[in-house]
PDB file of N, CA and C in Angstrom:
ATOM      1  N   MET A   1      62.819 -26.448  21.295  1.00  0.00           N
ATOM      2  CA  MET A   1      63.413 -27.610  21.626  1.00  0.00           C
ATOM      3  C   MET A   1      62.053 -28.897  20.990  1.00  0.00           C
ATOM      4  N   PRO A   2      62.668 -29.559  20.392  1.00  0.00           N
ATOM      5  CA  PRO A   2      61.649 -30.929  20.413  1.00  0.00           C
ATOM      6  C   PRO A   2      61.258 -31.811  21.400  1.00  0.00           C
ATOM      7  N   THR A   3      60.657 -32.200  20.779  1.00  0.00           N
ATOM      8  CA  THR A   3      58.827 -33.420  21.506  1.00  0.00           C
ATOM      9  C   THR A   3      59.028 -34.918  20.730  1.00  0.00           C
ATOM     10  N   LEU A   4      59.062 -35.698  20.928  1.00  0.00           N
ATOM     11  CA  LEU A   4      58.084 -36.528  19.737  1.00  0.00           C
ATOM     12  C   LEU A   4      56.903 -37.470  20.676  1.00  0.00           C
ATOM     13  N   ILE A   5      56.368 -36.859  19.309  1.00  0.00           N
ATOM     14  CA  ILE A   5      54.861 -36.964  19.749  1.00  0.00           C
ATOM     15  C   ILE A   5      53.888 -37.788  18.170  1.00  0.00           C
ATOM     16  N   GLY A   6      53.788 -39.314  19.347  1.00  0.00           N
ATOM     17  CA  GLY A   6      52.784 -39.612  18.048  1.00  0.00           C
ATOM     18  C   GLY A   6      54.276 -39.984  17.321  1.00  0.00           C
ATOM     19  N   GLY A   7      55.267 -40.081  17.230  1.00  0.00           N
ATOM     20  CA  GLY A   7      55.888 -40.603  16.214  1.00  0.00           C
ATOM     21  C   GLY A   7      56.318 -39.729  15.306  1.00  0.00           C
ATOM     22  N   SER A   8      56.477 -37.962  15.577  1.00  0.00           N
ATOM     23  CA  SER A   8      56.388 -36.662  14.984  1.00  0.00           C
ATOM     24  C   SER A   8      57.227 -35.872  15.908  1.00  0.00           C
ATOM     25  N   THR A   9      58.505 -35.213  15.452  1.00  0.00           N
ATOM     26  CA  THR A   9      58.750 -34.275  15.946  1.00  0.00           C
ATOM     27  C   THR A   9      58.263 -32.991  16.564  1.00  0.00           C
ATOM     28  N   VAL A  10      58.019 -33.092  17.138  1.00  0.00           N
ATOM     29  CA  VAL A  10      57.427 -31.154  17.029  1.00  0.00           C
ATOM     30  C   VAL A  10      58.080 -30.391  17.592  1.00  0.00           C
ATOM     31  N   TRP A  11      57.719 -29.003  17.259  1.00  0.00           N
ATOM     32  CA  TRP A  11      58.839 -28.343  18.061  1.00  0.00           C
ATOM     33  C   TRP A  11      58.118 -26.766  18.156  1.00  0.00           C
ATOM     34  N   THR A  12      58.560 -27.053  20.075  1.00  0.00           N
ATOM     35  CA  THR A  12      57.667 -26.273  20.761  1.00  0.00           C
ATOM     36  C   THR A  12      58.476 -24.257  20.222  1.00  0.00           C
ATOM     37  N   ILE A  13      57.661 -23.549  19.367  1.00  0.00           N
ATOM     38  CA  ILE A  13      58.078 -22.184  19.333  1.00  0.00           C
ATOM     39  C   ILE A  13      57.965 -21.453  20.028  1.00  0.00           C
ATOM     40  N   ALA A  14      56.941 -20.811  20.995  1.00  0.00           N
ATOM     41  CA  ALA A  14      55.669 -20.447  22.132  1.00  0.00           C
ATOM     42  C   ALA A  14      56.054 -20.996  23.308  1.00  0.00           C
ATOM     43  N   ASN A  15      55.986 -20.189  24.388  1.00  0.00           N
ATOM     44  CA  ASN A  15      55.682 -20.929  25.555  1.00  0.00           C
ATOM     45  C   ASN A  15      54.734 -19.632  26.327  1.00  0.00           C
ATOM     46  N   PHE A  16      53.947 -19.868  26.783  1.00  0.00           N
ATOM     47  CA  PHE A  16      52.748 -18.515  27.550  1.00  0.00           C
ATOM     48  C   PHE A  16      52.065 -18.657  28.468  1.00  0.00           C
ATOM     49  N   LEU A  17      53.407 -17.519  29.271  1.00  0.00           N
ATOM     50  CA  LEU A  17      52.665 -17.783  30.281  1.00  0.00           C
ATOM     51  C   LEU A  17      51.305 -16.923  31.425  1.00  0.00           C
ATOM     52  N   VAL A  18      50.773 -17.275  31.971  1.00  0.00           N
ATOM     53  CA  VAL A  18      50.076 -16.139  32.532  1.00  0.00           C
ATOM     54  C   VAL A  18      49.283 -16.235  33.712  1.00  0.00           C
ATOM     55  N   GLY A  19      48.810 -14.160  34.203  1.00  0.00           N
ATOM     56  CA  GLY A  19      48.742 -15.063  35.322  1.00  0.00           C
ATOM     57  C   GLY A  19      48.981 -13.384  35.724  1.00  0.00           C
ATOM     58  N   ASP A  20      49.428 -13.429  37.302  1.00  0.00           N
ATOM     59  CA  ASP A  20      50.023 -12.547  38.393  1.00  0.00           C
ATOM     60  C   ASP A  20      51.633 -11.739  37.781  1.00  0.00           C
ATOM     61  N   VAL A  21      51.993 -11.095  36.689  1.00  0.00           N
ATOM     62  CA  VAL A  21      53.509 -10.949  36.397  1.00  0.00           C
ATOM     63  C   VAL A  21      54.474 -10.700  37.486  1.00  0.00           C
ATOM     64  N   LYS A  22      54.190 -10.765  38.602  1.00  0.00           N
ATOM     65  CA  LYS A  22      54.452 -10.283  39.892  1.00  0.00           C
ATOM     66  C   LYS A  22      55.703 -11.915  39.883  1.00  0.00           C
ATOM     67  N   GLU A  23      54.168 -12.990  40.181  1.00  0.00           N
ATOM     68  CA  GLU A  23      54.417 -14.085  40.370  1.00  0.00           C
ATOM     69  C   GLU A  23      55.400 -15.176  39.559  1.00  0.00           C
ATOM     70  N   ARG A  24      54.740 -14.533  38.234  1.00  0.00           N
ATOM     71  CA  ARG A  24      54.833 -15.078  37.133  1.00  0.00           C
ATOM     72  C   ARG A  24      56.221 -15.563  36.920  1.00  0.00           C
ATOM     73  N   ILE A  25      57.182 -14.418  37.112  1.00  0.00           N
ATOM     74  CA  ILE A  25      58.483 -13.668  36.691  1.00  0.00           C
ATOM     75  C   ILE A  25      59.763 -14.381  37.830  1.00  0.00           C
ATOM     76  N   GLN A  26      58.369 -13.903  38.877  1.00  0.00           N
ATOM     77  CA  GLN A  26      59.421 -14.871  40.039  1.00  0.00           C
ATOM     78  C   GLN A  26      59.924 -16.350  38.893  1.00  0.00           C
ATOM     79  N   GLU A  27      58.579 -17.037  39.039  1.00  0.00           N
ATOM     80  CA  GLU A  27      58.702 -18.555  39.412  1.00  0.00           C
ATOM     81  C   GLU A  27      59.623 -19.645  37.953  1.00  0.00           C
ATOM     82  N   THR A  28      59.700 -17.453  37.333  1.00  0.00           N
ATOM     83  CA  THR A  28      60.704 -18.135  36.481  1.00  0.00           C
ATOM     84  C   THR A  28      62.011 -17.828  36.253  1.00  0.00           C
ATOM     85  N   LEU A  29      62.383 -17.172  37.451  1.00  0.00           N
ATOM     86  CA  LEU A  29      63.755 -16.134  37.202  1.00  0.00           C
ATOM     87  C   LEU A  29      64.071 -17.925  38.986  1.00  0.00           C
ATOM     88  N   ARG A  30      63.125 -18.751  39.402  1.00  0.00           N
ATOM     89  CA  ARG A  30      64.073 -19.165  40.067  1.00  0.00           C
ATOM     90  C   ARG A  30      63.885 -21.488  39.278  1.00  0.00           C
ATOM     91  N   ALA A  31      63.341 -21.371  38.120  1.00  0.00           N
ATOM     92  CA  ALA A  31      62.645 -22.013  37.897  1.00  0.00           C
ATOM     93  C   ALA A  31      64.397 -22.490  37.125  1.00  0.00           C
ATOM     94  N   ALA A  32      65.247 -23.717  37.494  1.00  0.00           N
ATOM     95  CA  ALA A  32      66.751 -23.488  36.675  1.00  0.00           C
ATOM     96  C   ALA A  32      66.175 -24.598  34.791  1.00  0.00           C
ATOM     97  N   SER A  33      65.175 -25.243  35.356  1.00  0.00           N
ATOM     98  CA  SER A  33      64.639 -25.772  33.745  1.00  0.00           C
ATOM     99  C   SER A  33      63.849 -24.800  32.764  1.00  0.00           C
ATOM    100  N   GLN A  34      63.235 -23.812  33.309  1.00  0.00           N
ATOM    101  CA  GLN A  34      62.980 -23.093  32.330  1.00  0.00           C
ATOM    102  C   GLN A  34      64.438 -21.982  31.548  1.00  0.00           C
ATOM    103  N   PRO A  35      63.955 -22.385  29.946  1.00  0.00           N
ATOM    104  CA  PRO A  35      65.030 -20.928  29.509  1.00  0.00           C
ATOM    105  C   PRO A  35      65.588 -19.998  29.801  1.00  0.00           C
ATOM    106  N   VAL A  36      65.313 -18.332  29.164  1.00  0.00           N
ATOM    107  CA  VAL A  36      65.555 -17.482  29.696  1.00  0.00           C
ATOM    108  C   VAL A  36      64.889 -17.123  27.914  1.00  0.00           C
ATOM    109  N   PRO A  37      63.745 -16.521  28.703  1.00  0.00           N
ATOM    110  CA  PRO A  37      62.611 -15.948  27.745  1.00  0.00           C
ATOM    111  C   PRO A  37      63.877 -15.304  26.026  1.00  0.00           C
ATOM    112  N   ASP A  38      63.503 -14.917  24.772  1.00  0.00           N
ATOM    113  CA  ASP A  38      63.770 -14.332  24.574  1.00  0.00           C
ATOM    114  C   ASP A  38      63.643 -13.270  24.228  1.00  0.00           C
ATOM    115  N   VAL A  39      62.134 -12.927  24.209  1.00  0.00           N
ATOM    116  CA  VAL A  39      60.638 -12.201  24.449  1.00  0.00           C
ATOM    117  C   VAL A  39      60.249 -11.630  25.031  1.00  0.00           C
ATOM    118  N   VAL A  40      59.769 -10.654  26.297  1.00  0.00           N
ATOM    119  CA  VAL A  40      58.983 -11.055  27.475  1.00  0.00           C
ATOM    120  C   VAL A  40      57.550 -10.061  26.528  1.00  0.00           C
ATOM    121  N   ILE A  41      56.676 -10.377  26.917  1.00  0.00           N
ATOM    122  CA  ILE A  41      55.518  -8.341  26.059  1.00  0.00           C
ATOM    123  C   ILE A  41      54.626  -8.122  27.686  1.00  0.00           C
ATOM    124  N   THR A  42      54.933  -7.476  27.838  1.00  0.00           N
ATOM    125  CA  THR A  42      54.055  -6.687  29.219  1.00  0.00           C
ATOM    126  C   THR A  42      53.679  -5.627  28.609  1.00  0.00           C
ATOM    127  N   ASP A  43      51.931  -5.531  29.416  1.00  0.00           N
ATOM    128  CA  ASP A  43      50.594  -4.563  29.559  1.00  0.00           C
ATOM    129  C   ASP A  43      50.194  -4.066  30.404  1.00  0.00           C
ATOM    130  N   PRO A  44      51.037  -3.437  31.736  1.00  0.00           N
ATOM    131  CA  PRO A  44      50.490  -3.005  32.944  1.00  0.00           C
ATOM    132  C   PRO A  44      49.829  -2.142  32.420  1.00  0.00           C
ATOM    133  N   PRO A  45      48.756  -2.507  33.981  1.00  0.00           N
ATOM    134  CA  PRO A  45      47.916  -0.754  34.416  1.00  0.00           C
ATOM    135  C   PRO A  45      48.630   0.048  34.793  1.00  0.00           C
ATOM    136  N   ARG A  46      47.815   0.804  34.174  1.00  0.00           N
ATOM    137  CA  ARG A  46      48.322   2.610  34.615  1.00  0.00           C
ATOM    138  C   ARG A  46      49.179   2.890  35.350  1.00  0.00           C
ATOM    139  N   ALA A  47      49.235   2.481  36.016  1.00  0.00           N
ATOM    140  CA  ALA A  47      49.965   2.481  37.419  1.00  0.00           C
ATOM    141  C   ALA A  47      51.687   2.339  37.212  1.00  0.00           C
ATOM    142  N   GLY A  48      51.568   1.418  36.292  1.00  0.00           N
ATOM    143  CA  GLY A  48      53.049   1.431  35.597  1.00  0.00           C
ATOM    144  C   GLY A  48      53.485  -0.336  35.942  1.00  0.00           C
ATOM    145  N   LEU A  49      54.790  -1.074  35.771  1.00  0.00           N
ATOM    146  CA  LEU A  49      55.282  -1.898  36.034  1.00  0.00           C
ATOM    147  C   LEU A  49      55.395  -1.797  37.692  1.00  0.00           C
ATOM    148  N   HIS A  50      55.369  -2.555  38.720  1.00  0.00           N
ATOM    149  CA  HIS A  50      55.399  -3.068  39.529  1.00  0.00           C
ATOM    150  C   HIS A  50      57.102  -3.014  39.741  1.00  0.00           C
ATOM    151  N   PRO A  51      57.685  -2.463  40.496  1.00  0.00           N
ATOM    152  CA  PRO A  51      58.738  -2.427  40.623  1.00  0.00           C
ATOM    153  C   PRO A  51      59.833  -4.450  41.080  1.00  0.00           C
ATOM    154  N   GLN A  52      58.688  -4.849  42.523  1.00  0.00           N
ATOM    155  CA  GLN A  52      59.447  -5.848  41.690  1.00  0.00           C
ATOM    156  C   GLN A  52      59.672  -6.395  40.644  1.00  0.00           C
ATOM    157  N   VAL A  53      58.600  -6.246  39.559  1.00  0.00           N
ATOM    158  CA  VAL A  53      58.710  -6.877  38.276  1.00  0.00           C
ATOM    159  C   VAL A  53      59.483  -5.966  37.199  1.00  0.00           C
ATOM    160  N   VAL A  54      60.153  -4.234  37.788  1.00  0.00           N
ATOM    161  CA  VAL A  54      61.097  -3.988  37.182  1.00  0.00           C
ATOM    162  C   VAL A  54      62.453  -5.145  37.297  1.00  0.00           C
ATOM    163  N   LYS A  55      62.638  -4.942  38.530  1.00  0.00           N
ATOM    164  CA  LYS A  55      64.070  -5.828  38.986  1.00  0.00           C
ATOM    165  C   LYS A  55      63.931  -7.405  38.653  1.00  0.00           C
ATOM    166  N   ALA A  56      62.712  -8.161  38.164  1.00  0.00           N
ATOM    167  CA  ALA A  56      63.047  -9.441  37.861  1.00  0.00           C
ATOM    168  C   ALA A  56      63.646  -8.955  36.232  1.00  0.00           C
ATOM    169  N   LEU A  57      62.908  -8.353  35.941  1.00  0.00           N
ATOM    170  CA  LEU A  57      63.022  -7.848  34.003  1.00  0.00           C
ATOM    171  C   LEU A  57      64.698  -7.617  34.040  1.00  0.00           C
ATOM    172  N   GLN A  58      65.665  -6.426  35.212  1.00  0.00           N
ATOM    173  CA  GLN A  58      65.931  -6.249  34.722  1.00  0.00           C
ATOM    174  C   GLN A  58      68.098  -7.981  35.473  1.00  0.00           C
ATOM    175  N   GLU A  59      67.435  -8.231  36.331  1.00  0.00           N
ATOM    176  CA  GLU A  59      67.941 -10.130  36.348  1.00  0.00           C
ATOM    177  C   GLU A  59      67.820 -11.050  35.084  1.00  0.00           C
ATOM    178  N   LEU A  60      66.620 -10.880  35.467  1.00  0.00           N
ATOM    179  CA  LEU A  60      65.808 -11.863  33.855  1.00  0.00           C
ATOM    180  C   LEU A  60      66.611 -11.817  31.970  1.00  0.00           C
ATOM    181  N   SER A  61      66.935 -10.251  32.439  1.00  0.00           N
ATOM    182  CA  SER A  61      67.756  -9.814  31.075  1.00  0.00           C
ATOM    183  C   SER A  61      67.390 -10.515  29.758  1.00  0.00           C
ATOM    184  N   PRO A  62      66.228 -10.773  28.943  1.00  0.00           N
ATOM    185  CA  PRO A  62      65.431 -11.417  27.731  1.00  0.00           C
ATOM    186  C   PRO A  62      65.978 -10.229  26.702  1.00  0.00           C
ATOM    187  N   ARG A  63      66.949 -10.514  25.875  1.00  0.00           N
ATOM    188  CA  ARG A  63      66.499 -10.343  24.225  1.00  0.00           C
ATOM    189  C   ARG A  63      66.169  -8.451  23.915  1.00  0.00           C
ATOM    190  N   ARG A  64      64.470  -8.754  24.084  1.00  0.00           N
ATOM    191  CA  ARG A  64      63.698  -7.786  23.475  1.00  0.00           C
ATOM    192  C   ARG A  64      62.533  -8.001  25.057  1.00  0.00           C
ATOM    193  N   ILE A  65      61.698  -6.658  24.649  1.00  0.00           N
ATOM    194  CA  ILE A  65      60.633  -6.159  25.615  1.00  0.00           C
ATOM    195  C   ILE A  65      59.950  -5.648  24.649  1.00  0.00           C
ATOM    196  N   ILE A  66      58.820  -6.216  24.578  1.00  0.00           N
ATOM    197  CA  ILE A  66      57.682  -5.985  24.010  1.00  0.00           C
ATOM    198  C   ILE A  66      56.624  -4.516  25.475  1.00  0.00           C
ATOM    199  N   TYR A  67      56.796  -3.548  25.675  1.00  0.00           N
ATOM    200  CA  TYR A  67      56.129  -2.864  26.815  1.00  0.00           C
ATOM    201  C   TYR A  67      55.162  -2.374  26.112  1.00  0.00           C
ATOM    202  N   VAL A  68      53.287  -2.041  26.068  1.00  0.00           N
ATOM    203  CA  VAL A  68      52.095  -1.997  26.367  1.00  0.00           C
ATOM    204  C   VAL A  68      51.883  -0.691  26.979  1.00  0.00           C
ATOM    205  N   SER A  69      51.479   0.415  26.327  1.00  0.00           N
ATOM    206  CA  SER A  69      50.446   1.977  28.346  1.00  0.00           C
ATOM    207  C   SER A  69      50.541   1.807  27.714  1.00  0.00           C
ATOM    208  N   CYS A  70      49.505   2.021  28.274  1.00  0.00           N
ATOM    209  CA  CYS A  70      48.359   3.010  28.617  1.00  0.00           C
ATOM    210  C   CYS A  70      48.125   4.117  29.600  1.00  0.00           C
ATOM    211  N   ASN A  71      49.820   4.429  29.804  1.00  0.00           N
ATOM    212  CA  ASN A  71      49.888   5.979  30.841  1.00  0.00           C
ATOM    213  C   ASN A  71      50.984   6.109  30.182  1.00  0.00           C
ATOM    214  N   PRO A  72      51.532   7.621  29.444  1.00  0.00           N
ATOM    215  CA  PRO A  72      52.387   8.274  29.703  1.00  0.00           C
ATOM    216  C   PRO A  72      53.458   8.213  30.412  1.00  0.00           C
ATOM    217  N   ALA A  73      53.019   8.905  32.282  1.00  0.00           N
ATOM    218  CA  ALA A  73      53.930   9.334  33.003  1.00  0.00           C
ATOM    219  C   ALA A  73      54.148   7.760  33.338  1.00  0.00           C
ATOM    220  N   THR A  74      53.624   6.457  33.197  1.00  0.00           N
ATOM    221  CA  THR A  74      53.853   5.753  34.348  1.00  0.00           C
ATOM    222  C   THR A  74      55.531   4.767  32.967  1.00  0.00           C
ATOM    223  N   LEU A  75      54.674   5.273  31.944  1.00  0.00           N
ATOM    224  CA  LEU A  75      55.711   4.181  30.550  1.00  0.00           C
ATOM    225  C   LEU A  75      57.252   5.032  30.862  1.00  0.00           C
ATOM    226  N   ALA A  76      57.149   6.497  31.232  1.00  0.00           N
ATOM    227  CA  ALA A  76      58.223   7.234  30.488  1.00  0.00           C
ATOM    228  C   ALA A  76      59.442   7.169  32.368  1.00  0.00           C
ATOM    229  N   ARG A  77      58.303   6.943  32.902  1.00  0.00           N
ATOM    230  CA  ARG A  77      59.567   6.530  34.541  1.00  0.00           C
ATOM    231  C   ARG A  77      59.669   4.892  34.640  1.00  0.00           C
ATOM    232  N   ASP A  78      58.970   3.749  33.653  1.00  0.00           N
ATOM    233  CA  ASP A  78      59.493   2.278  34.285  1.00  0.00           C
ATOM    234  C   ASP A  78      60.644   2.575  32.614  1.00  0.00           C
ATOM    235  N   LEU A  79      60.532   3.152  31.575  1.00  0.00           N
ATOM    236  CA  LEU A  79      61.664   3.115  30.678  1.00  0.00           C
ATOM    237  C   LEU A  79      63.368   3.350  31.447  1.00  0.00           C
ATOM    238  N   ALA A  80      62.633   5.415  32.136  1.00  0.00           N
ATOM    239  CA  ALA A  80      63.461   5.121  33.012  1.00  0.00           C
ATOM    240  C   ALA A  80      65.173   4.112  33.781  1.00  0.00           C
ATOM    241  N   LEU A  81      64.313   3.606  34.205  1.00  0.00           N
ATOM    242  CA  LEU A  81      64.881   1.947  35.763  1.00  0.00           C
ATOM    243  C   LEU A  81      65.102   0.872  34.398  1.00  0.00           C
ATOM    244  N   LEU A  82      64.653   0.735  33.210  1.00  0.00           N
ATOM    245  CA  LEU A  82      65.856   0.130  32.162  1.00  0.00           C
ATOM    246  C   LEU A  82      67.009   0.298  31.107  1.00  0.00           C
ATOM    247  N   GLN A  83      66.129   1.997  31.785  1.00  0.00           N
ATOM    248  CA  GLN A  83      67.363   2.646  30.397  1.00  0.00           C
ATOM    249  C   GLN A  83      69.262   2.174  30.418  1.00  0.00           C
ATOM    250  N   ASP A  84      69.328   1.855  31.357  1.00  0.00           N
ATOM    251  CA  ASP A  84      70.399   1.239  31.812  1.00  0.00           C
ATOM    252  C   ASP A  84      71.632  -0.196  30.689  1.00  0.00           C
ATOM    253  N   GLN A  85      69.685  -0.852  30.573  1.00  0.00           N
ATOM    254  CA  GLN A  85      70.480  -2.712  30.208  1.00  0.00           C
ATOM    255  C   GLN A  85      69.094  -2.269  28.381  1.00  0.00           C
ATOM    256  N   TYR A  86      68.811  -1.896  27.799  1.00  0.00           N
ATOM    257  CA  TYR A  86      67.758  -2.041  27.594  1.00  0.00           C
ATOM    258  C   TYR A  86      67.904  -0.674  25.699  1.00  0.00           C
ATOM    259  N   ASP A  87      68.453  -0.678  24.600  1.00  0.00           N
ATOM    260  CA  ASP A  87      68.368   0.396  24.376  1.00  0.00           C
ATOM    261  C   ASP A  87      66.588   0.832  23.836  1.00  0.00           C
ATOM    262  N   ILE A  88      65.840   1.765  23.826  1.00  0.00           N
ATOM    263  CA  ILE A  88      64.609   2.164  22.927  1.00  0.00           C
ATOM    264  C   ILE A  88      64.216   2.438  21.751  1.00  0.00           C
ATOM    265  N   LEU A  89      64.203   1.440  20.692  1.00  0.00           N
ATOM    266  CA  LEU A  89      64.278   1.499  19.354  1.00  0.00           C
ATOM    267  C   LEU A  89      63.070   1.675  18.422  1.00  0.00           C
ATOM    268  N   THR A  90      61.814   1.485  19.083  1.00  0.00           N
ATOM    269  CA  THR A  90      60.545   1.646  18.473  1.00  0.00           C
ATOM    270  C   THR A  90      59.293   2.391  19.165  1.00  0.00           C
ATOM    271  N   VAL A  91      59.035   3.385  19.126  1.00  0.00           N
ATOM    272  CA  VAL A  91      58.047   3.654  19.903  1.00  0.00           C
ATOM    273  C   VAL A  91      56.502   3.861  19.000  1.00  0.00           C
ATOM    274  N   GLN A  92      55.278   3.677  19.134  1.00  0.00           N
ATOM    275  CA  GLN A  92      54.130   3.475  18.534  1.00  0.00           C
ATOM    276  C   GLN A  92      53.229   4.395  19.474  1.00  0.00           C
ATOM    277  N   PRO A  93      52.820   5.249  18.818  1.00  0.00           N
ATOM    278  CA  PRO A  93      51.170   5.787  19.452  1.00  0.00           C
ATOM    279  C   PRO A  93      50.352   4.945  18.738  1.00  0.00           C
ATOM    280  N   PHE A  94      48.616   4.827  19.759  1.00  0.00           N
ATOM    281  CA  PHE A  94      47.741   4.212  19.016  1.00  0.00           C
ATOM    282  C   PHE A  94      46.827   5.172  19.816  1.00  0.00           C
ATOM    283  N   ASP A  95      45.899   5.502  18.448  1.00  0.00           N
ATOM    284  CA  ASP A  95      44.775   6.342  19.769  1.00  0.00           C
ATOM    285  C   ASP A  95      44.301   5.293  19.181  1.00  0.00           C
ATOM    286  N   LEU A  96      43.680   5.067  19.812  1.00  0.00           N
ATOM    287  CA  LEU A  96      42.322   4.197  20.208  1.00  0.00           C
ATOM    288  C   LEU A  96      40.793   4.870  20.901  1.00  0.00           C
ATOM    289  N   PHE A  97      40.959   5.808  21.082  1.00  0.00           N
ATOM    290  CA  PHE A  97      39.930   6.431  21.837  1.00  0.00           C
ATOM    291  C   PHE A  97      39.883   8.207  20.936  1.00  0.00           C
ATOM    292  N   PRO A  98      39.073   7.898  20.318  1.00  0.00           N
ATOM    293  CA  PRO A  98      38.911   9.478  19.016  1.00  0.00           C
ATOM    294  C   PRO A  98      38.355  10.426  20.762  1.00  0.00           C
ATOM    295  N   HIS A  99      39.412  11.627  20.236  1.00  0.00           N
ATOM    296  CA  HIS A  99      38.459  12.682  20.980  1.00  0.00           C
ATOM    297  C   HIS A  99      38.332  12.697  22.311  1.00  0.00           C
ATOM    298  N   THR A 100      39.234  11.582  22.780  1.00  0.00           N
ATOM    299  CA  THR A 100      39.918  11.411  24.527  1.00  0.00           C
ATOM    300  C   THR A 100      41.470  12.083  24.458  1.00  0.00           C
ATOM    301  N   ALA A 101      42.250  12.507  26.066  1.00  0.00           N
ATOM    302  CA  ALA A 101      43.105  12.063  26.246  1.00  0.00           C
ATOM    303  C   ALA A 101      44.174  11.295  25.908  1.00  0.00           C
ATOM    304  N   HIS A 102      43.243  10.197  26.075  1.00  0.00           N
ATOM    305  CA  HIS A 102      43.547   8.766  25.996  1.00  0.00           C
ATOM    306  C   HIS A 102      44.432   8.541  25.015  1.00  0.00           C
ATOM    307  N   THR A 103      46.040   8.361  24.832  1.00  0.00           N
ATOM    308  CA  THR A 103      46.546   6.946  23.921  1.00  0.00           C
ATOM    309  C   THR A 103      47.054   5.937  24.747  1.00  0.00           C
ATOM    310  N   GLU A 104      47.243   5.143  23.794  1.00  0.00           N
ATOM    311  CA  GLU A 104      48.482   4.062  24.063  1.00  0.00           C
ATOM    312  C   GLU A 104      49.191   3.638  23.130  1.00  0.00           C
ATOM    313  N   CYS A 105      50.347   3.118  23.293  1.00  0.00           N
ATOM    314  CA  CYS A 105      51.680   2.964  22.671  1.00  0.00           C
ATOM    315  C   CYS A 105      52.746   1.748  23.554  1.00  0.00           C
ATOM    316  N   VAL A 106      53.151   1.803  22.128  1.00  0.00           N
ATOM    317  CA  VAL A 106      53.682   0.422  22.075  1.00  0.00           C
ATOM    318  C   VAL A 106      55.604   0.097  21.863  1.00  0.00           C
ATOM    319  N   VAL A 107      56.465   0.145  23.529  1.00  0.00           N
ATOM    320  CA  VAL A 107      57.170   0.596  22.499  1.00  0.00           C
ATOM    321  C   VAL A 107      58.261  -1.239  22.185  1.00  0.00           C
ATOM    322  N   ARG A 108      59.658  -0.892  21.626  1.00  0.00           N
ATOM    323  CA  ARG A 108      60.451  -2.010  21.186  1.00  0.00           C
ATOM    324  C   ARG A 108      61.743  -1.992  22.261  1.00  0.00           C
ATOM    325  N   LEU A 109      61.776  -2.521  22.866  1.00  0.00           N
ATOM    326  CA  LEU A 109      62.789  -2.919  23.895  1.00  0.00           C
ATOM    327  C   LEU A 109      64.003  -3.459  23.344  1.00  0.00           C
ATOM    328  N   GLU A 110      65.003  -3.356  23.456  1.00  0.00           N
ATOM    329  CA  GLU A 110      66.655  -4.619  22.758  1.00  0.00           C
ATOM    330  C   GLU A 110      67.606  -3.784  23.618  1.00  0.00           C
ATOM    331  N   ARG A 111      68.025  -5.650  24.301  1.00  0.00           N
ATOM    332  CA  ARG A 111      68.947  -5.366  25.089  1.00  0.00           C
ATOM    333  C   ARG A 111      70.495  -5.129  24.615  1.00  0.00           C
ATOM    334  N   ARG A 112      70.551  -4.160  25.722  1.00  0.00           N
ATOM    335  CA  ARG A 112      72.852  -3.342  25.144  1.00  0.00           C
ATOM    336  C   ARG A 112      73.061  -5.318  25.304  1.00  0.00           C
ATOM    337  N   HIS A 113      74.079  -5.343  24.075  1.00  0.00           N
ATOM    338  CA  HIS A 113      75.102  -5.965  24.379  1.00  0.00           C
ATOM    339  C   HIS A 113      76.446  -5.544  24.704  1.00  0.00           C
ATOM    340  N   ARG A 114      76.987  -6.026  26.111  1.00  0.00           N
ATOM    341  CA  ARG A 114      77.781  -5.946  27.197  1.00  0.00           C
ATOM    342  C   ARG A 114      79.364  -5.200  26.356  1.00  0.00           C
ATOM    343  N   VAL A 115      79.982  -4.430  25.925  1.00  0.00           N
ATOM    344  CA  VAL A 115      81.495  -4.810  25.830  1.00  0.00           C
ATOM    345  C   VAL A 115      82.374  -5.195  27.038  1.00  0.00           C
ATOM    346  N   LEU A 116      82.662  -6.253  27.238  1.00  0.00           N
ATOM    347  CA  LEU A 116      83.791  -6.667  27.912  1.00  0.00           C
ATOM    348  C   LEU A 116      85.760  -5.760  27.890  1.00  0.00           C
ATOM    349  N   THR A 117      85.735  -5.939  29.014  1.00  0.00           N
ATOM    350  CA  THR A 117      86.732  -4.890  28.562  1.00  0.00           C
ATOM    351  C   THR A 117      88.073  -5.533  29.766  1.00  0.00           C
ATOM    352  N   VAL A 118      89.358  -5.906  29.999  1.00  0.00           N
ATOM    353  CA  VAL A 118      90.213  -6.163  30.621  1.00  0.00           C
ATOM    354  C   VAL A 118      91.248  -5.744  31.096  1.00  0.00           C
TER     355      VAL A 118
END
């Protein structure tokens, strides 16, 4: 959305919301003035996404979700909850901690296109 600042048009390319995702995502759902984000990047703790966050992501339905995970078990659980709405396009593990069993994983999910039937 363009904004006029000092006689120049300035385009907003990205908005970053920082804070507890449980609260910020609910604010985004309630705010009629906020556009639906194209991309949501999430990096939850080892416990994975809170159930309220999964539900809010399903309601918000961004075009793309980038999920950064440090726990394969909770990543699998959360991806299973999102699989009805999203396709998993890319999974990239990263060994950031050599000589340990820990890996990070980045997953790219894309919203499925719904086919309407009459």
